[in-house]
Amino acid sequence: MGIERELKLALVPSQHDDVARFFDERTGAGKPIELANVYFDTLGCALAKAKSALRLRRMPDQWLQTYKTLGKSVAGLSNRHEWELPVQGEALEIDALLTACDNDAARAALERAAPDLIALFKTDVRRILWDIEREGSQIEVALDGEITAEVDGKTRRADISELELELKSGEESALSMLAAELRGAFPELVPEDLSKAQRGYLLRGQSERQYRDA
């Protein structure tokens, strides 16, 4: 089982390019990528109601399936269970996820939903990536600029400007240190507790309250 530790910060859209330069000057040019995601759930959103999310993501060299719990997000810092496995193509391999999932409640929710899973919506995210080291800890920094969701053949867009600081190895305090450095340079940064999955559900037309953590 993996625990995803991530700090999310929202920024003023006009500062998007300034934040990109902040990291470019310290670590070199970031890597721009386009993330194509397919989110799966039942028509009744059983996984969302169980505080879980299931997606396929196209990476530059492979497809990944990811099952995660929403966990708790406080002041932008989230700690949640995550199971991520490579797959052969644009298709879920549920049995492999069920085998990997070692949280009883999460596994039961996925097992119940499995027979009725459908591709509920697709999202595309424009992202720039940097790899940062702080005090021996490795952090992946992602700067996102826009999210689009395809629902029933229609495309819906939401302009976003947010940073995701994900701890890849080391101490969680490294996230706070980097966040403090960023807030010193950009005082307008504020915590963001809404996940990409939640944004996708909102674009699909669900209520925000239903998909926020209890």
N, C-alpha and C. Protein backbone atom coordinates (compact mmCIF):
# COMPACT_ATOMS: atom_id res chain seq x y z
N MET A 1 0.85 -1.20 0.00
CA MET A 1 0.00 0.00 0.00
C MET A 1 0.87 1.24 0.00
N GLY A 2 0.53 2.23 -0.82
CA GLY A 2 1.23 3.49 -0.81
C GLY A 2 0.39 4.55 -0.12
N ILE A 3 1.07 5.48 0.52
CA ILE A 3 0.41 6.64 1.10
C ILE A 3 0.88 7.85 0.31
N GLU A 4 -0.06 8.50 -0.36
CA GLU A 4 0.27 9.70 -1.12
C GLU A 4 0.25 10.90 -0.17
N ARG A 5 1.37 11.61 -0.11
CA ARG A 5 1.47 12.81 0.70
C ARG A 5 1.68 13.99 -0.24
N GLU A 6 0.71 14.88 -0.23
CA GLU A 6 0.69 15.94 -1.23
C GLU A 6 0.16 17.23 -0.61
N LEU A 7 0.77 18.33 -0.98
CA LEU A 7 0.32 19.65 -0.56
C LEU A 7 -0.10 20.41 -1.80
N LYS A 8 -1.35 20.92 -1.77
CA LYS A 8 -1.87 21.65 -2.92
C LYS A 8 -2.06 23.12 -2.55
N LEU A 9 -1.66 23.97 -3.48
CA LEU A 9 -1.76 25.41 -3.27
C LEU A 9 -2.38 26.05 -4.51
N ALA A 10 -3.36 26.90 -4.31
CA ALA A 10 -3.97 27.64 -5.40
C ALA A 10 -3.27 28.98 -5.54
N LEU A 11 -3.09 29.44 -6.77
CA LEU A 11 -2.43 30.71 -7.00
C LEU A 11 -3.29 31.60 -7.88
N VAL A 12 -2.97 32.86 -7.87
CA VAL A 12 -3.66 33.82 -8.73
C VAL A 12 -3.30 33.49 -10.18
N PRO A 13 -4.30 33.34 -11.06
CA PRO A 13 -3.99 32.94 -12.44
C PRO A 13 -2.95 33.81 -13.12
N SER A 14 -2.93 35.10 -12.80
CA SER A 14 -1.96 35.99 -13.44
C SER A 14 -0.53 35.69 -13.03
N GLN A 15 -0.35 34.90 -11.96
CA GLN A 15 1.00 34.56 -11.50
C GLN A 15 1.48 33.21 -12.01
N HIS A 16 0.71 32.58 -12.86
CA HIS A 16 1.06 31.25 -13.36
C HIS A 16 2.47 31.25 -13.96
N ASP A 17 2.73 32.19 -14.86
CA ASP A 17 4.04 32.24 -15.52
C ASP A 17 5.14 32.62 -14.54
N ASP A 18 4.83 33.46 -13.56
CA ASP A 18 5.84 33.85 -12.56
C ASP A 18 6.26 32.65 -11.72
N VAL A 19 5.30 31.81 -11.36
CA VAL A 19 5.62 30.62 -10.58
C VAL A 19 6.46 29.66 -11.41
N ALA A 20 6.13 29.52 -12.69
CA ALA A 20 6.93 28.66 -13.56
C ALA A 20 8.37 29.15 -13.63
N ARG A 21 8.56 30.46 -13.74
CA ARG A 21 9.93 31.01 -13.79
C ARG A 21 10.65 30.78 -12.46
N PHE A 22 9.91 30.85 -11.35
CA PHE A 22 10.50 30.62 -10.02
C PHE A 22 11.21 29.27 -9.99
N PHE A 23 10.55 28.24 -10.51
CA PHE A 23 11.15 26.90 -10.50
C PHE A 23 12.18 26.73 -11.62
N ASP A 24 11.91 27.31 -12.78
CA ASP A 24 12.88 27.22 -13.88
C ASP A 24 14.24 27.77 -13.47
N GLU A 25 14.23 28.89 -12.76
CA GLU A 25 15.48 29.53 -12.37
C GLU A 25 16.25 28.72 -11.32
N ARG A 26 15.56 27.88 -10.58
CA ARG A 26 16.20 27.13 -9.49
C ARG A 26 16.56 25.70 -9.88
N THR A 27 15.80 25.12 -10.80
CA THR A 27 16.03 23.70 -11.11
C THR A 27 16.18 23.42 -12.60
N GLY A 28 16.05 24.43 -13.44
CA GLY A 28 16.05 24.19 -14.87
C GLY A 28 14.63 24.13 -15.40
N ALA A 29 14.51 24.14 -16.72
CA ALA A 29 13.20 24.20 -17.35
C ALA A 29 12.34 23.00 -16.96
N GLY A 30 11.08 23.29 -16.64
CA GLY A 30 10.15 22.23 -16.29
C GLY A 30 9.75 21.42 -17.52
N LYS A 31 9.15 20.27 -17.27
CA LYS A 31 8.72 19.38 -18.34
C LYS A 31 7.23 19.52 -18.54
N PRO A 32 6.80 20.08 -19.68
CA PRO A 32 5.35 20.19 -19.94
C PRO A 32 4.79 18.85 -20.41
N ILE A 33 3.65 18.47 -19.86
CA ILE A 33 2.98 17.25 -20.29
C ILE A 33 1.47 17.48 -20.33
N GLU A 34 0.81 16.65 -21.10
CA GLU A 34 -0.65 16.64 -21.16
C GLU A 34 -1.12 15.35 -20.53
N LEU A 35 -1.93 15.43 -19.49
CA LEU A 35 -2.43 14.25 -18.82
C LEU A 35 -3.84 13.94 -19.31
N ALA A 36 -4.01 12.73 -19.83
CA ALA A 36 -5.33 12.26 -20.25
C ALA A 36 -5.81 11.24 -19.23
N ASN A 37 -6.94 11.51 -18.61
CA ASN A 37 -7.46 10.66 -17.55
C ASN A 37 -8.86 10.18 -17.88
N VAL A 38 -9.14 8.94 -17.52
CA VAL A 38 -10.49 8.40 -17.62
C VAL A 38 -10.90 7.97 -16.21
N TYR A 39 -11.98 8.55 -15.69
CA TYR A 39 -12.45 8.21 -14.35
C TYR A 39 -13.63 7.25 -14.45
N PHE A 40 -13.58 6.23 -13.60
CA PHE A 40 -14.59 5.18 -13.61
C PHE A 40 -15.39 5.20 -12.31
N ASP A 41 -16.68 4.93 -12.45
CA ASP A 41 -17.56 4.81 -11.30
C ASP A 41 -18.84 4.16 -11.80
N THR A 42 -19.76 3.90 -10.90
CA THR A 42 -21.08 3.43 -11.30
C THR A 42 -21.94 4.63 -11.65
N LEU A 43 -23.08 4.39 -12.29
CA LEU A 43 -23.98 5.50 -12.61
C LEU A 43 -24.43 6.22 -11.34
N GLY A 44 -24.54 5.49 -10.25
CA GLY A 44 -24.94 6.09 -8.99
C GLY A 44 -23.78 6.65 -8.19
N CYS A 45 -22.56 6.65 -8.79
CA CYS A 45 -21.36 7.21 -8.14
C CYS A 45 -21.05 6.51 -6.81
N ALA A 46 -21.08 5.18 -6.85
CA ALA A 46 -20.83 4.41 -5.63
C ALA A 46 -19.43 4.64 -5.07
N LEU A 47 -18.43 4.74 -5.94
CA LEU A 47 -17.06 4.95 -5.45
C LEU A 47 -16.91 6.34 -4.84
N ALA A 48 -17.48 7.34 -5.49
CA ALA A 48 -17.39 8.70 -4.94
C ALA A 48 -18.05 8.76 -3.58
N LYS A 49 -19.19 8.08 -3.43
CA LYS A 49 -19.89 8.07 -2.14
C LYS A 49 -19.08 7.32 -1.08
N ALA A 50 -18.22 6.39 -1.53
CA ALA A 50 -17.34 5.67 -0.61
C ALA A 50 -16.02 6.40 -0.40
N LYS A 51 -15.95 7.67 -0.86
CA LYS A 51 -14.76 8.50 -0.70
C LYS A 51 -13.55 7.86 -1.39
N SER A 52 -13.78 7.35 -2.61
CA SER A 52 -12.72 6.73 -3.39
C SER A 52 -12.78 7.26 -4.81
N ALA A 53 -11.68 7.04 -5.55
CA ALA A 53 -11.64 7.45 -6.95
C ALA A 53 -10.82 6.43 -7.72
N LEU A 54 -11.24 6.15 -8.95
CA LEU A 54 -10.59 5.16 -9.79
C LEU A 54 -10.37 5.78 -11.17
N ARG A 55 -9.13 5.72 -11.64
CA ARG A 55 -8.85 6.34 -12.93
C ARG A 55 -7.82 5.54 -13.71
N LEU A 56 -7.85 5.74 -15.03
CA LEU A 56 -6.77 5.37 -15.94
C LEU A 56 -6.10 6.65 -16.38
N ARG A 57 -4.77 6.64 -16.44
CA ARG A 57 -4.04 7.84 -16.87
C ARG A 57 -3.03 7.45 -17.95
N ARG A 58 -3.06 8.18 -19.04
CA ARG A 58 -2.08 7.96 -20.10
C ARG A 58 -0.83 8.78 -19.81
N MET A 59 0.26 8.10 -19.60
CA MET A 59 1.56 8.74 -19.41
C MET A 59 2.30 8.70 -20.74
N PRO A 60 3.42 9.42 -20.85
CA PRO A 60 4.14 9.43 -22.13
C PRO A 60 4.52 8.03 -22.62
N ASP A 61 4.79 7.09 -21.70
CA ASP A 61 5.28 5.77 -22.13
C ASP A 61 4.41 4.60 -21.70
N GLN A 62 3.30 4.86 -21.00
CA GLN A 62 2.46 3.75 -20.55
C GLN A 62 1.14 4.27 -20.00
N TRP A 63 0.22 3.34 -19.76
CA TRP A 63 -1.02 3.63 -19.06
C TRP A 63 -0.89 3.16 -17.62
N LEU A 64 -1.45 3.92 -16.69
CA LEU A 64 -1.46 3.56 -15.28
C LEU A 64 -2.91 3.54 -14.79
N GLN A 65 -3.23 2.55 -13.95
CA GLN A 65 -4.51 2.58 -13.25
C GLN A 65 -4.24 2.92 -11.79
N THR A 66 -5.06 3.81 -11.25
CA THR A 66 -4.86 4.29 -9.89
C THR A 66 -6.18 4.25 -9.14
N TYR A 67 -6.12 3.67 -7.97
CA TYR A 67 -7.28 3.64 -7.07
C TYR A 67 -6.84 4.29 -5.77
N LYS A 68 -7.59 5.29 -5.33
CA LYS A 68 -7.18 6.00 -4.12
C LYS A 68 -8.40 6.38 -3.30
N THR A 69 -8.16 6.53 -2.02
CA THR A 69 -9.19 7.07 -1.14
C THR A 69 -8.98 8.58 -1.06
N LEU A 70 -10.04 9.32 -0.81
CA LEU A 70 -9.89 10.77 -0.70
C LEU A 70 -9.16 11.16 0.57
N GLY A 71 -9.24 10.32 1.60
CA GLY A 71 -8.52 10.60 2.83
C GLY A 71 -8.94 11.93 3.44
N LYS A 72 -8.00 12.55 4.10
CA LYS A 72 -8.24 13.84 4.73
C LYS A 72 -7.32 14.89 4.13
N SER A 73 -7.89 16.02 3.82
CA SER A 73 -7.10 17.14 3.32
C SER A 73 -7.35 18.33 4.22
N VAL A 74 -6.29 18.79 4.88
CA VAL A 74 -6.38 19.91 5.82
C VAL A 74 -5.37 20.97 5.40
N ALA A 75 -5.89 22.17 5.13
CA ALA A 75 -5.03 23.29 4.72
C ALA A 75 -4.17 22.90 3.52
N GLY A 76 -4.77 22.13 2.60
CA GLY A 76 -4.08 21.75 1.38
C GLY A 76 -3.22 20.51 1.47
N LEU A 77 -2.92 20.02 2.69
CA LEU A 77 -2.07 18.85 2.86
C LEU A 77 -2.94 17.61 2.97
N SER A 78 -2.73 16.66 2.07
CA SER A 78 -3.53 15.44 2.08
C SER A 78 -2.64 14.23 2.27
N ASN A 79 -3.17 13.28 3.02
CA ASN A 79 -2.56 11.97 3.20
C ASN A 79 -3.63 10.94 2.87
N ARG A 80 -3.40 10.15 1.82
CA ARG A 80 -4.44 9.22 1.41
C ARG A 80 -3.82 7.93 0.89
N HIS A 81 -4.59 6.85 1.00
CA HIS A 81 -4.15 5.57 0.46
C HIS A 81 -4.19 5.63 -1.07
N GLU A 82 -3.19 5.02 -1.69
CA GLU A 82 -3.14 5.01 -3.15
C GLU A 82 -2.53 3.70 -3.62
N TRP A 83 -3.17 3.10 -4.62
CA TRP A 83 -2.65 1.89 -5.25
C TRP A 83 -2.54 2.18 -6.75
N GLU A 84 -1.35 2.09 -7.30
CA GLU A 84 -1.12 2.44 -8.70
C GLU A 84 -0.34 1.33 -9.38
N LEU A 85 -0.87 0.88 -10.52
CA LEU A 85 -0.28 -0.23 -11.25
C LEU A 85 -0.27 0.07 -12.75
N PRO A 86 0.76 -0.36 -13.47
CA PRO A 86 0.74 -0.23 -14.93
C PRO A 86 -0.26 -1.22 -15.53
N VAL A 87 -0.85 -0.84 -16.66
CA VAL A 87 -1.76 -1.74 -17.39
C VAL A 87 -1.34 -1.77 -18.85
N GLN A 88 -1.86 -2.77 -19.56
CA GLN A 88 -1.42 -2.98 -20.94
C GLN A 88 -1.91 -1.90 -21.90
N GLY A 89 -3.06 -1.30 -21.61
CA GLY A 89 -3.62 -0.29 -22.50
C GLY A 89 -4.73 0.44 -21.81
N GLU A 90 -5.65 1.00 -22.59
CA GLU A 90 -6.74 1.80 -22.03
C GLU A 90 -7.86 0.90 -21.52
N ALA A 91 -7.52 0.09 -20.52
CA ALA A 91 -8.51 -0.82 -19.93
C ALA A 91 -8.10 -1.13 -18.50
N LEU A 92 -9.09 -1.14 -17.62
CA LEU A 92 -8.82 -1.47 -16.22
C LEU A 92 -8.47 -2.95 -16.06
N GLU A 93 -7.66 -3.23 -15.07
CA GLU A 93 -7.36 -4.60 -14.65
C GLU A 93 -7.75 -4.69 -13.17
N ILE A 94 -9.05 -4.86 -12.94
CA ILE A 94 -9.61 -4.77 -11.60
C ILE A 94 -9.05 -5.84 -10.68
N ASP A 95 -8.88 -7.06 -11.17
CA ASP A 95 -8.38 -8.13 -10.31
C ASP A 95 -7.02 -7.76 -9.71
N ALA A 96 -6.17 -7.15 -10.52
CA ALA A 96 -4.84 -6.75 -10.02
C ALA A 96 -4.97 -5.69 -8.94
N LEU A 97 -5.90 -4.75 -9.12
CA LEU A 97 -6.10 -3.72 -8.10
C LEU A 97 -6.65 -4.31 -6.81
N LEU A 98 -7.59 -5.24 -6.94
CA LEU A 98 -8.15 -5.86 -5.74
C LEU A 98 -7.08 -6.64 -4.98
N THR A 99 -6.16 -7.26 -5.70
CA THR A 99 -5.07 -7.98 -5.06
C THR A 99 -4.13 -7.02 -4.35
N ALA A 100 -3.86 -5.88 -4.98
CA ALA A 100 -2.93 -4.92 -4.40
C ALA A 100 -3.54 -4.15 -3.24
N CYS A 101 -4.85 -3.96 -3.26
CA CYS A 101 -5.52 -3.13 -2.25
C CYS A 101 -5.55 -3.86 -0.91
N ASP A 102 -4.85 -3.32 0.07
CA ASP A 102 -4.77 -3.98 1.38
C ASP A 102 -5.51 -3.20 2.47
N ASN A 103 -6.43 -2.36 2.05
CA ASN A 103 -7.31 -1.68 3.00
C ASN A 103 -8.70 -2.30 2.84
N ASP A 104 -9.22 -2.89 3.90
CA ASP A 104 -10.46 -3.66 3.81
C ASP A 104 -11.63 -2.85 3.27
N ALA A 105 -11.82 -1.63 3.80
CA ALA A 105 -12.96 -0.82 3.39
C ALA A 105 -12.85 -0.41 1.92
N ALA A 106 -11.65 0.00 1.51
CA ALA A 106 -11.45 0.42 0.12
C ALA A 106 -11.62 -0.75 -0.83
N ARG A 107 -11.08 -1.91 -0.46
CA ARG A 107 -11.21 -3.08 -1.33
C ARG A 107 -12.67 -3.51 -1.45
N ALA A 108 -13.41 -3.47 -0.35
CA ALA A 108 -14.82 -3.86 -0.38
C ALA A 108 -15.62 -2.91 -1.28
N ALA A 109 -15.32 -1.61 -1.22
CA ALA A 109 -16.03 -0.63 -2.05
C ALA A 109 -15.76 -0.90 -3.53
N LEU A 110 -14.51 -1.20 -3.87
CA LEU A 110 -14.17 -1.47 -5.26
C LEU A 110 -14.80 -2.78 -5.73
N GLU A 111 -14.80 -3.78 -4.88
CA GLU A 111 -15.37 -5.08 -5.25
C GLU A 111 -16.87 -4.97 -5.50
N ARG A 112 -17.55 -4.18 -4.67
CA ARG A 112 -19.01 -4.00 -4.86
C ARG A 112 -19.30 -3.26 -6.15
N ALA A 113 -18.48 -2.27 -6.46
CA ALA A 113 -18.74 -1.43 -7.63
C ALA A 113 -18.31 -2.09 -8.94
N ALA A 114 -17.36 -3.01 -8.87
CA ALA A 114 -16.70 -3.55 -10.07
C ALA A 114 -17.66 -3.99 -11.17
N PRO A 115 -18.74 -4.74 -10.88
CA PRO A 115 -19.60 -5.22 -11.98
C PRO A 115 -20.30 -4.09 -12.74
N ASP A 116 -20.45 -2.92 -12.13
CA ASP A 116 -21.23 -1.84 -12.73
C ASP A 116 -20.37 -0.64 -13.13
N LEU A 117 -19.05 -0.80 -13.15
CA LEU A 117 -18.19 0.33 -13.48
C LEU A 117 -18.33 0.73 -14.94
N ILE A 118 -18.37 2.03 -15.17
CA ILE A 118 -18.36 2.58 -16.51
C ILE A 118 -17.39 3.76 -16.54
N ALA A 119 -16.98 4.14 -17.74
CA ALA A 119 -16.16 5.34 -17.89
C ALA A 119 -17.08 6.55 -17.72
N LEU A 120 -17.04 7.16 -16.54
CA LEU A 120 -18.01 8.19 -16.20
C LEU A 120 -17.68 9.53 -16.86
N PHE A 121 -16.40 9.88 -16.88
CA PHE A 121 -15.98 11.10 -17.57
C PHE A 121 -14.48 11.04 -17.83
N LYS A 122 -14.03 11.88 -18.76
CA LYS A 122 -12.61 11.99 -19.08
C LYS A 122 -12.15 13.40 -18.75
N THR A 123 -10.91 13.51 -18.30
CA THR A 123 -10.35 14.85 -18.07
C THR A 123 -8.99 14.95 -18.73
N ASP A 124 -8.68 16.16 -19.16
CA ASP A 124 -7.34 16.48 -19.67
C ASP A 124 -6.81 17.64 -18.84
N VAL A 125 -5.55 17.53 -18.45
CA VAL A 125 -4.93 18.55 -17.61
C VAL A 125 -3.60 18.97 -18.24
N ARG A 126 -3.40 20.26 -18.39
CA ARG A 126 -2.10 20.78 -18.83
C ARG A 126 -1.22 20.98 -17.60
N ARG A 127 -0.02 20.40 -17.62
CA ARG A 127 0.83 20.37 -16.43
C ARG A 127 2.29 20.61 -16.79
N ILE A 128 3.02 21.25 -15.88
CA ILE A 128 4.48 21.37 -15.97
C ILE A 128 5.06 20.73 -14.72
N LEU A 129 6.11 19.91 -14.89
CA LEU A 129 6.70 19.16 -13.78
C LEU A 129 8.14 19.60 -13.51
N TRP A 130 8.47 19.65 -12.23
CA TRP A 130 9.85 19.84 -11.79
C TRP A 130 10.15 18.85 -10.67
N ASP A 131 11.39 18.41 -10.59
CA ASP A 131 11.84 17.57 -9.47
C ASP A 131 12.72 18.43 -8.56
N ILE A 132 12.32 18.49 -7.28
CA ILE A 132 12.97 19.36 -6.31
C ILE A 132 13.56 18.52 -5.19
N GLU A 133 14.71 18.95 -4.68
CA GLU A 133 15.28 18.31 -3.49
C GLU A 133 15.34 19.33 -2.36
N ARG A 134 14.85 18.95 -1.19
CA ARG A 134 14.92 19.79 0.00
C ARG A 134 15.36 18.92 1.18
N GLU A 135 16.51 19.25 1.75
CA GLU A 135 17.00 18.55 2.95
C GLU A 135 16.99 17.03 2.76
N GLY A 136 17.42 16.59 1.57
CA GLY A 136 17.49 15.16 1.31
C GLY A 136 16.18 14.53 0.90
N SER A 137 15.09 15.28 0.86
CA SER A 137 13.79 14.75 0.46
C SER A 137 13.52 15.11 -1.00
N GLN A 138 12.86 14.21 -1.70
CA GLN A 138 12.54 14.42 -3.11
C GLN A 138 11.08 14.81 -3.25
N ILE A 139 10.84 15.91 -3.96
CA ILE A 139 9.49 16.43 -4.14
C ILE A 139 9.23 16.64 -5.63
N GLU A 140 8.09 16.17 -6.09
CA GLU A 140 7.66 16.45 -7.45
C GLU A 140 6.70 17.63 -7.41
N VAL A 141 7.02 18.66 -8.17
CA VAL A 141 6.19 19.86 -8.23
C VAL A 141 5.43 19.86 -9.56
N ALA A 142 4.12 20.00 -9.49
CA ALA A 142 3.29 20.04 -10.68
C ALA A 142 2.51 21.34 -10.69
N LEU A 143 2.61 22.07 -11.79
CA LEU A 143 1.86 23.31 -11.98
C LEU A 143 0.79 23.07 -13.03
N ASP A 144 -0.48 23.16 -12.62
CA ASP A 144 -1.59 22.87 -13.51
C ASP A 144 -2.28 24.15 -13.95
N GLY A 145 -2.69 24.16 -15.25
CA GLY A 145 -3.25 25.38 -15.79
C GLY A 145 -4.70 25.31 -16.20
N GLU A 146 -5.20 24.14 -16.61
CA GLU A 146 -6.59 24.05 -17.06
C GLU A 146 -7.03 22.60 -16.95
N ILE A 147 -8.29 22.40 -16.64
CA ILE A 147 -8.86 21.06 -16.66
C ILE A 147 -10.09 21.07 -17.55
N THR A 148 -10.18 20.09 -18.42
CA THR A 148 -11.37 19.94 -19.24
C THR A 148 -11.94 18.55 -18.97
N ALA A 149 -13.25 18.46 -18.97
CA ALA A 149 -13.91 17.18 -18.74
C ALA A 149 -14.87 16.90 -19.89
N GLU A 150 -14.79 15.68 -20.42
CA GLU A 150 -15.71 15.25 -21.46
C GLU A 150 -16.79 14.40 -20.81
N VAL A 151 -18.01 14.88 -20.88
CA VAL A 151 -19.15 14.21 -20.25
C VAL A 151 -20.25 14.05 -21.29
N ASP A 152 -20.61 12.81 -21.58
CA ASP A 152 -21.67 12.54 -22.56
C ASP A 152 -21.40 13.24 -23.89
N GLY A 153 -20.14 13.22 -24.30
CA GLY A 153 -19.78 13.80 -25.59
C GLY A 153 -19.63 15.31 -25.59
N LYS A 154 -19.83 15.95 -24.44
CA LYS A 154 -19.70 17.40 -24.35
C LYS A 154 -18.48 17.76 -23.50
N THR A 155 -17.80 18.81 -23.90
CA THR A 155 -16.59 19.23 -23.19
C THR A 155 -16.89 20.41 -22.28
N ARG A 156 -16.48 20.29 -21.04
CA ARG A 156 -16.65 21.36 -20.06
C ARG A 156 -15.28 21.74 -19.53
N ARG A 157 -15.06 23.03 -19.33
CA ARG A 157 -13.74 23.52 -18.94
C ARG A 157 -13.79 24.27 -17.63
N ALA A 158 -12.66 24.19 -16.92
CA ALA A 158 -12.48 25.01 -15.72
C ALA A 158 -11.04 25.50 -15.71
N ASP A 159 -10.87 26.81 -15.66
CA ASP A 159 -9.53 27.37 -15.54
C ASP A 159 -9.04 27.18 -14.12
N ILE A 160 -7.88 26.57 -13.98
CA ILE A 160 -7.29 26.39 -12.66
C ILE A 160 -5.84 26.85 -12.70
N SER A 161 -5.36 27.31 -11.59
CA SER A 161 -3.94 27.62 -11.42
C SER A 161 -3.58 27.12 -10.04
N GLU A 162 -2.94 25.97 -10.00
CA GLU A 162 -2.60 25.38 -8.71
C GLU A 162 -1.32 24.58 -8.79
N LEU A 163 -0.68 24.49 -7.64
CA LEU A 163 0.54 23.71 -7.49
C LEU A 163 0.25 22.46 -6.68
N GLU A 164 0.81 21.35 -7.10
CA GLU A 164 0.78 20.14 -6.30
C GLU A 164 2.22 19.80 -5.94
N LEU A 165 2.50 19.73 -4.65
CA LEU A 165 3.82 19.36 -4.15
C LEU A 165 3.70 17.96 -3.57
N GLU A 166 4.20 16.96 -4.28
CA GLU A 166 4.05 15.57 -3.84
C GLU A 166 5.37 15.04 -3.32
N LEU A 167 5.35 14.53 -2.11
CA LEU A 167 6.54 13.97 -1.50
C LEU A 167 6.80 12.59 -2.09
N LYS A 168 7.92 12.44 -2.79
CA LYS A 168 8.28 11.16 -3.38
C LYS A 168 9.11 10.31 -2.42
N SER A 169 9.96 10.97 -1.62
CA SER A 169 10.73 10.26 -0.61
C SER A 169 11.22 11.29 0.41
N GLY A 170 11.44 10.82 1.64
CA GLY A 170 11.95 11.72 2.66
C GLY A 170 10.90 12.12 3.68
N GLU A 171 11.13 13.26 4.30
CA GLU A 171 10.31 13.72 5.42
C GLU A 171 9.22 14.68 4.97
N GLU A 172 8.04 14.55 5.58
CA GLU A 172 6.91 15.41 5.25
C GLU A 172 7.21 16.89 5.52
N SER A 173 8.11 17.16 6.46
CA SER A 173 8.46 18.54 6.77
C SER A 173 9.04 19.27 5.56
N ALA A 174 9.59 18.50 4.61
CA ALA A 174 10.16 19.13 3.41
C ALA A 174 9.07 19.83 2.59
N LEU A 175 7.85 19.29 2.61
CA LEU A 175 6.74 19.94 1.91
C LEU A 175 6.44 21.30 2.53
N SER A 176 6.43 21.34 3.86
CA SER A 176 6.15 22.61 4.55
C SER A 176 7.24 23.63 4.28
N MET A 177 8.48 23.16 4.23
CA MET A 177 9.59 24.07 3.96
C MET A 177 9.47 24.69 2.58
N LEU A 178 9.16 23.86 1.58
CA LEU A 178 9.02 24.37 0.22
C LEU A 178 7.82 25.29 0.12
N ALA A 179 6.72 24.93 0.78
CA ALA A 179 5.53 25.77 0.76
C ALA A 179 5.81 27.13 1.39
N ALA A 180 6.57 27.15 2.49
CA ALA A 180 6.92 28.42 3.14
C ALA A 180 7.77 29.28 2.21
N GLU A 181 8.68 28.65 1.49
CA GLU A 181 9.52 29.39 0.53
C GLU A 181 8.66 30.00 -0.57
N LEU A 182 7.68 29.21 -1.03
CA LEU A 182 6.80 29.71 -2.08
C LEU A 182 5.93 30.86 -1.59
N ARG A 183 5.40 30.72 -0.37
CA ARG A 183 4.55 31.79 0.15
C ARG A 183 5.35 33.06 0.39
N GLY A 184 6.65 32.92 0.68
CA GLY A 184 7.48 34.11 0.81
C GLY A 184 7.61 34.86 -0.50
N ALA A 185 7.64 34.10 -1.59
CA ALA A 185 7.76 34.72 -2.91
C ALA A 185 6.40 35.11 -3.48
N PHE A 186 5.36 34.36 -3.11
CA PHE A 186 4.01 34.60 -3.63
C PHE A 186 3.02 34.56 -2.47
N PRO A 187 2.85 35.68 -1.77
CA PRO A 187 1.99 35.70 -0.57
C PRO A 187 0.53 35.35 -0.86
N GLU A 188 0.11 35.45 -2.12
CA GLU A 188 -1.29 35.19 -2.45
C GLU A 188 -1.63 33.70 -2.48
N LEU A 189 -0.63 32.82 -2.41
CA LEU A 189 -0.90 31.39 -2.43
C LEU A 189 -1.77 30.99 -1.25
N VAL A 190 -2.75 30.14 -1.52
CA VAL A 190 -3.66 29.66 -0.46
C VAL A 190 -3.82 28.15 -0.59
N PRO A 191 -4.11 27.45 0.51
CA PRO A 191 -4.33 26.00 0.43
C PRO A 191 -5.52 25.66 -0.47
N GLU A 192 -5.42 24.52 -1.15
CA GLU A 192 -6.49 24.01 -2.00
C GLU A 192 -6.78 22.57 -1.60
N ASP A 193 -8.01 22.31 -1.19
CA ASP A 193 -8.37 20.98 -0.71
C ASP A 193 -9.16 20.15 -1.73
N LEU A 194 -9.46 20.71 -2.89
CA LEU A 194 -10.27 20.01 -3.88
C LEU A 194 -9.37 19.19 -4.80
N SER A 195 -9.65 17.88 -4.93
CA SER A 195 -8.84 17.01 -5.77
C SER A 195 -9.28 17.12 -7.23
N LYS A 196 -8.45 16.57 -8.14
CA LYS A 196 -8.81 16.56 -9.55
C LYS A 196 -10.04 15.71 -9.78
N ALA A 197 -10.16 14.60 -9.07
CA ALA A 197 -11.35 13.77 -9.21
C ALA A 197 -12.60 14.56 -8.81
N GLN A 198 -12.51 15.28 -7.70
CA GLN A 198 -13.66 16.08 -7.26
C GLN A 198 -14.00 17.15 -8.29
N ARG A 199 -12.98 17.76 -8.87
CA ARG A 199 -13.24 18.76 -9.91
C ARG A 199 -13.96 18.12 -11.10
N GLY A 200 -13.54 16.92 -11.45
CA GLY A 200 -14.19 16.24 -12.56
C GLY A 200 -15.64 15.94 -12.27
N TYR A 201 -15.93 15.48 -11.06
CA TYR A 201 -17.33 15.22 -10.68
C TYR A 201 -18.14 16.52 -10.70
N LEU A 202 -17.52 17.60 -10.25
CA LEU A 202 -18.24 18.88 -10.27
C LEU A 202 -18.55 19.31 -11.69
N LEU A 203 -17.57 19.14 -12.58
CA LEU A 203 -17.82 19.48 -13.98
C LEU A 203 -18.89 18.58 -14.57
N ARG A 204 -18.98 17.38 -14.08
CA ARG A 204 -20.02 16.47 -14.55
C ARG A 204 -21.40 16.90 -14.06
N GLY A 205 -21.43 17.73 -13.02
CA GLY A 205 -22.71 18.26 -12.58
C GLY A 205 -23.12 17.82 -11.20
N GLN A 206 -22.20 17.16 -10.47
CA GLN A 206 -22.52 16.76 -9.12
C GLN A 206 -22.31 17.94 -8.17
N SER A 207 -22.89 17.83 -6.96
CA SER A 207 -22.73 18.90 -5.99
C SER A 207 -21.39 18.79 -5.30
N GLU A 208 -20.79 19.93 -5.00
CA GLU A 208 -19.49 19.95 -4.34
C GLU A 208 -19.56 19.29 -2.98
N ARG A 209 -20.62 19.49 -2.24
CA ARG A 209 -20.68 18.97 -0.88
C ARG A 209 -20.57 17.46 -0.84
N GLN A 210 -21.18 16.78 -1.83
CA GLN A 210 -21.21 15.32 -1.83
C GLN A 210 -19.81 14.73 -1.94
N TYR A 211 -18.90 15.47 -2.61
CA TYR A 211 -17.60 14.89 -2.89
C TYR A 211 -16.48 15.48 -2.06
N ARG A 212 -16.79 16.35 -1.16
CA ARG A 212 -15.78 16.82 -0.21
C ARG A 212 -15.68 15.81 0.92
N ASP A 213 -14.52 15.80 1.56
CA ASP A 213 -14.34 14.86 2.68
C ASP A 213 -15.34 15.18 3.78
N ALA A 214 -15.79 14.13 4.46
CA ALA A 214 -16.68 14.31 5.59
C ALA A 214 -15.91 14.92 6.76
